[in-house]
N, C-alpha and C. Protein backbone atom coordinates (compact mmCIF):
# COMPACT_ATOMS: atom_id res chain seq x y z
N MET A 1 -62.78 14.65 -31.39
CA MET A 1 -61.25 14.56 -31.09
C MET A 1 -60.44 14.78 -32.43
N SER A 2 -59.36 15.69 -32.29
CA SER A 2 -59.03 15.83 -33.61
C SER A 2 -58.26 13.97 -33.70
N GLN A 3 -57.69 13.90 -35.12
CA GLN A 3 -56.81 12.99 -35.34
C GLN A 3 -55.45 13.04 -34.09
N ALA A 4 -54.77 14.19 -34.36
CA ALA A 4 -53.62 14.51 -33.15
C ALA A 4 -54.06 13.91 -31.91
N LYS A 5 -55.42 14.37 -31.56
CA LYS A 5 -55.62 14.24 -30.23
C LYS A 5 -55.75 12.41 -30.03
N VAL A 6 -56.44 11.69 -31.05
CA VAL A 6 -56.34 10.58 -30.96
C VAL A 6 -54.87 9.64 -30.69
N ASP A 7 -54.59 9.96 -31.81
CA ASP A 7 -52.93 9.27 -31.88
C ASP A 7 -52.09 9.87 -30.40
N ARG A 8 -51.95 10.97 -29.99
CA ARG A 8 -51.48 11.42 -28.97
C ARG A 8 -51.87 10.73 -27.94
N TYR A 9 -53.75 10.04 -27.61
CA TYR A 9 -53.92 9.71 -26.49
C TYR A 9 -53.58 7.81 -26.82
N LYS A 10 -53.71 7.36 -27.94
CA LYS A 10 -53.24 6.09 -27.97
C LYS A 10 -51.91 5.96 -27.50
N GLN A 11 -51.06 7.08 -27.93
CA GLN A 11 -49.22 7.27 -27.33
C GLN A 11 -49.03 6.73 -26.18
N GLU A 12 -50.27 7.94 -25.14
CA GLU A 12 -49.88 7.93 -23.89
C GLU A 12 -50.87 6.60 -23.42
N LYS A 13 -51.55 6.28 -24.02
CA LYS A 13 -52.15 4.77 -23.57
C LYS A 13 -51.30 3.51 -23.79
N ALA A 14 -50.38 3.75 -24.69
CA ALA A 14 -49.40 2.67 -24.79
C ALA A 14 -48.44 2.63 -24.07
N ASN A 15 -47.35 3.76 -23.55
CA ASN A 15 -46.46 3.64 -22.51
C ASN A 15 -47.16 4.29 -21.47
N ARG A 16 -48.14 4.23 -20.69
CA ARG A 16 -48.96 4.32 -19.65
C ARG A 16 -48.34 3.49 -18.67
N LYS A 17 -47.69 1.97 -19.07
CA LYS A 17 -47.53 1.47 -18.16
C LYS A 17 -46.13 1.59 -17.41
N LYS A 18 -45.03 1.98 -18.54
CA LYS A 18 -43.87 2.45 -18.32
C LYS A 18 -44.07 3.70 -17.78
N THR A 19 -44.52 4.64 -17.57
CA THR A 19 -44.68 6.20 -17.28
C THR A 19 -45.04 5.71 -15.76
N MET A 20 -46.05 5.17 -15.47
CA MET A 20 -46.58 4.83 -14.44
C MET A 20 -45.25 3.90 -13.51
N ALA A 21 -44.41 3.26 -13.93
CA ALA A 21 -43.72 2.41 -13.12
C ALA A 21 -42.72 3.91 -13.27
N ARG A 22 -41.80 4.41 -13.74
CA ARG A 22 -41.51 5.21 -13.64
C ARG A 22 -41.32 6.40 -12.63
N GLN A 23 -42.81 6.65 -12.42
CA GLN A 23 -43.12 7.62 -11.48
C GLN A 23 -43.28 7.11 -9.92
N LYS A 24 -43.49 5.83 -10.23
CA LYS A 24 -43.57 5.02 -8.76
C LYS A 24 -42.04 5.17 -8.10
N ARG A 25 -41.25 4.89 -9.14
CA ARG A 25 -39.84 4.30 -8.73
C ARG A 25 -39.20 5.92 -7.85
N LEU A 26 -39.60 7.36 -9.36
CA LEU A 26 -39.16 8.29 -8.27
C LEU A 26 -39.85 8.63 -7.06
N HIS A 27 -41.10 8.33 -7.01
CA HIS A 27 -41.63 8.46 -5.64
C HIS A 27 -40.96 7.82 -4.27
N VAL A 28 -40.75 6.21 -4.66
CA VAL A 28 -40.32 5.83 -3.85
C VAL A 28 -38.77 6.29 -3.44
N LEU A 29 -38.36 6.79 -4.34
CA LEU A 29 -36.48 7.01 -4.21
C LEU A 29 -37.00 8.63 -3.63
N ALA A 30 -38.16 9.58 -3.77
CA ALA A 30 -38.30 10.79 -2.85
C ALA A 30 -38.54 10.28 -1.83
N VAL A 31 -39.33 9.38 -1.42
CA VAL A 31 -39.66 8.87 0.34
C VAL A 31 -38.20 8.15 1.03
N VAL A 32 -37.58 7.72 0.16
CA VAL A 32 -36.14 6.77 0.81
C VAL A 32 -35.34 7.96 1.36
N CYS A 33 -35.20 8.75 0.33
CA CYS A 33 -34.11 10.36 0.59
C CYS A 33 -34.70 10.70 1.78
N GLY A 34 -36.15 11.08 1.62
CA GLY A 34 -36.69 11.84 2.74
C GLY A 34 -36.30 11.66 3.98
N TRP A 35 -36.36 10.11 4.14
CA TRP A 35 -36.13 9.77 5.67
C TRP A 35 -34.88 9.65 5.79
N VAL A 36 -33.75 9.16 5.15
CA VAL A 36 -32.47 9.16 5.31
C VAL A 36 -32.14 10.57 5.50
N ILE A 37 -31.92 11.80 5.13
CA ILE A 37 -32.14 13.34 5.53
C ILE A 37 -32.60 13.22 6.89
N ALA A 38 -34.08 12.74 7.18
CA ALA A 38 -34.57 13.15 8.67
C ALA A 38 -33.58 12.21 9.53
N ILE A 39 -33.28 11.24 9.10
CA ILE A 39 -32.63 9.96 10.23
C ILE A 39 -31.56 10.97 10.35
N ALA A 40 -30.65 11.44 9.64
CA ALA A 40 -29.14 12.13 9.68
C ALA A 40 -29.47 13.09 10.28
N ILE A 41 -30.21 14.04 10.26
CA ILE A 41 -30.58 15.46 11.34
C ILE A 41 -31.04 14.86 12.39
N VAL A 42 -31.55 14.03 12.83
CA VAL A 42 -32.14 13.58 14.16
C VAL A 42 -30.44 12.86 14.75
N GLY A 43 -29.62 12.24 14.35
CA GLY A 43 -28.75 11.16 14.81
C GLY A 43 -27.92 12.30 14.53
N TRP A 44 -27.65 13.59 13.80
CA TRP A 44 -26.74 14.73 14.41
C TRP A 44 -26.94 15.48 15.60
N ALA A 45 -28.42 15.89 15.61
CA ALA A 45 -28.90 16.49 16.81
C ALA A 45 -28.83 15.65 18.16
N GLY A 46 -28.89 14.24 18.05
CA GLY A 46 -28.29 13.70 19.45
C GLY A 46 -27.02 13.63 19.76
N VAL A 47 -26.46 13.53 18.82
CA VAL A 47 -24.73 13.23 19.26
C VAL A 47 -24.39 14.64 19.74
N SER A 48 -24.85 15.77 18.97
CA SER A 48 -24.47 17.15 19.08
C SER A 48 -24.50 17.33 20.89
N ALA A 49 -26.05 16.92 20.83
CA ALA A 49 -26.55 17.22 22.28
C ALA A 49 -25.65 16.26 23.44
N TYR A 50 -25.69 15.29 23.28
CA TYR A 50 -24.88 14.42 23.95
C TYR A 50 -23.24 14.79 24.11
N ASN A 51 -22.59 15.33 23.26
CA ASN A 51 -21.61 15.87 23.86
C ASN A 51 -21.74 16.90 24.43
N ILE A 52 -22.66 18.07 24.26
CA ILE A 52 -22.89 19.22 24.63
C ILE A 52 -22.92 18.65 26.51
N TYR A 53 -23.73 17.94 26.80
CA TYR A 53 -23.80 17.52 28.01
C TYR A 53 -22.97 16.71 28.60
N GLU A 54 -21.97 15.90 28.20
CA GLU A 54 -20.60 15.30 28.34
C GLU A 54 -19.85 16.29 28.43
N ASN A 55 -19.66 17.63 27.67
CA ASN A 55 -18.68 18.65 27.72
C ASN A 55 -19.06 19.74 29.14
N SER A 56 -20.47 19.65 29.71
CA SER A 56 -20.94 20.45 30.85
C SER A 56 -20.86 19.78 31.99
N LYS A 57 -20.22 18.22 32.13
CA LYS A 57 -20.04 17.66 33.34
C LYS A 57 -18.77 18.30 33.99
N PRO A 58 -18.73 18.19 35.33
CA PRO A 58 -17.30 18.62 35.72
C PRO A 58 -16.31 17.65 35.71
N VAL A 59 -14.99 18.06 35.53
CA VAL A 59 -14.43 17.14 35.56
C VAL A 59 -13.66 16.40 37.03
N GLU A 60 -13.61 15.26 36.70
CA GLU A 60 -13.27 14.59 38.38
C GLU A 60 -11.65 14.77 38.26
N THR A 61 -11.07 15.13 38.92
CA THR A 61 -9.76 15.19 39.26
C THR A 61 -9.47 14.05 40.54
N ILE A 62 -8.33 13.55 40.29
CA ILE A 62 -7.55 12.92 41.07
C ILE A 62 -5.94 13.01 41.20
N TYR A 63 -5.99 13.21 42.64
CA TYR A 63 -4.78 13.38 43.05
C TYR A 63 -4.08 12.23 43.64
N ALA A 64 -2.68 11.87 43.49
CA ALA A 64 -1.96 10.84 43.81
C ALA A 64 -0.82 11.32 44.51
N ASN A 65 -0.40 10.91 45.70
CA ASN A 65 1.05 11.47 45.94
C ASN A 65 1.94 10.31 45.29
N LEU A 66 2.82 10.69 44.50
CA LEU A 66 3.84 10.47 43.84
C LEU A 66 5.15 10.39 44.40
N ASP A 67 5.47 10.91 45.53
CA ASP A 67 7.02 11.13 46.19
C ASP A 67 7.25 9.91 45.90
N ALA A 68 6.98 8.62 46.56
CA ALA A 68 7.58 7.53 46.44
C ALA A 68 8.09 7.04 45.15
N ILE A 69 7.42 7.34 44.50
CA ILE A 69 7.94 6.79 42.86
C ILE A 69 9.35 8.15 42.25
N ASN A 70 9.17 9.19 42.71
CA ASN A 70 10.06 10.25 42.40
C ASN A 70 11.32 9.78 43.34
N ASP A 71 11.32 9.82 44.56
CA ASP A 71 12.64 8.95 45.23
C ASP A 71 13.37 7.73 44.35
N TYR A 72 12.42 7.10 44.38
CA TYR A 72 13.36 5.52 43.48
C TYR A 72 13.77 6.37 42.14
N MET A 73 13.02 7.00 41.52
CA MET A 73 13.48 7.92 40.32
C MET A 73 15.02 8.54 40.48
N ASP A 74 14.89 9.10 41.18
CA ASP A 74 15.78 9.42 42.01
C ASP A 74 17.34 8.94 42.25
N SER A 75 16.52 7.95 43.34
CA SER A 75 17.72 7.15 43.42
C SER A 75 18.64 6.29 42.30
N LEU A 76 17.98 5.85 41.35
CA LEU A 76 18.02 5.44 40.14
C LEU A 76 19.14 6.14 39.59
N ASP A 77 18.95 7.54 39.23
CA ASP A 77 19.77 8.17 38.44
C ASP A 77 21.21 8.44 39.63
N ALA A 78 21.10 8.50 40.73
CA ALA A 78 21.77 8.32 41.64
C ALA A 78 23.11 7.61 41.42
N GLU A 79 22.51 6.38 41.15
CA GLU A 79 23.69 5.08 41.10
C GLU A 79 23.98 5.11 39.87
N GLU A 80 24.20 5.70 38.88
CA GLU A 80 24.96 5.94 37.87
C GLU A 80 25.73 6.66 37.54
């Protein structure tokens, strides 16, 4: 081996611990970001599916006879 190769190998060996730690941090960061993105996509799909399901339900209409209330309100207006 040439002296330059030996010096480069020694330099790499001296910094190997830092390099390995940095690579490990980047790997963990990539895995965490991947999981966060995957969970966000699955959550968004779930919410969208739920909204589609809820919007496809028929609307329940309730009818009430409000004649008595309208007559009472009209009688209040008439007294003034």
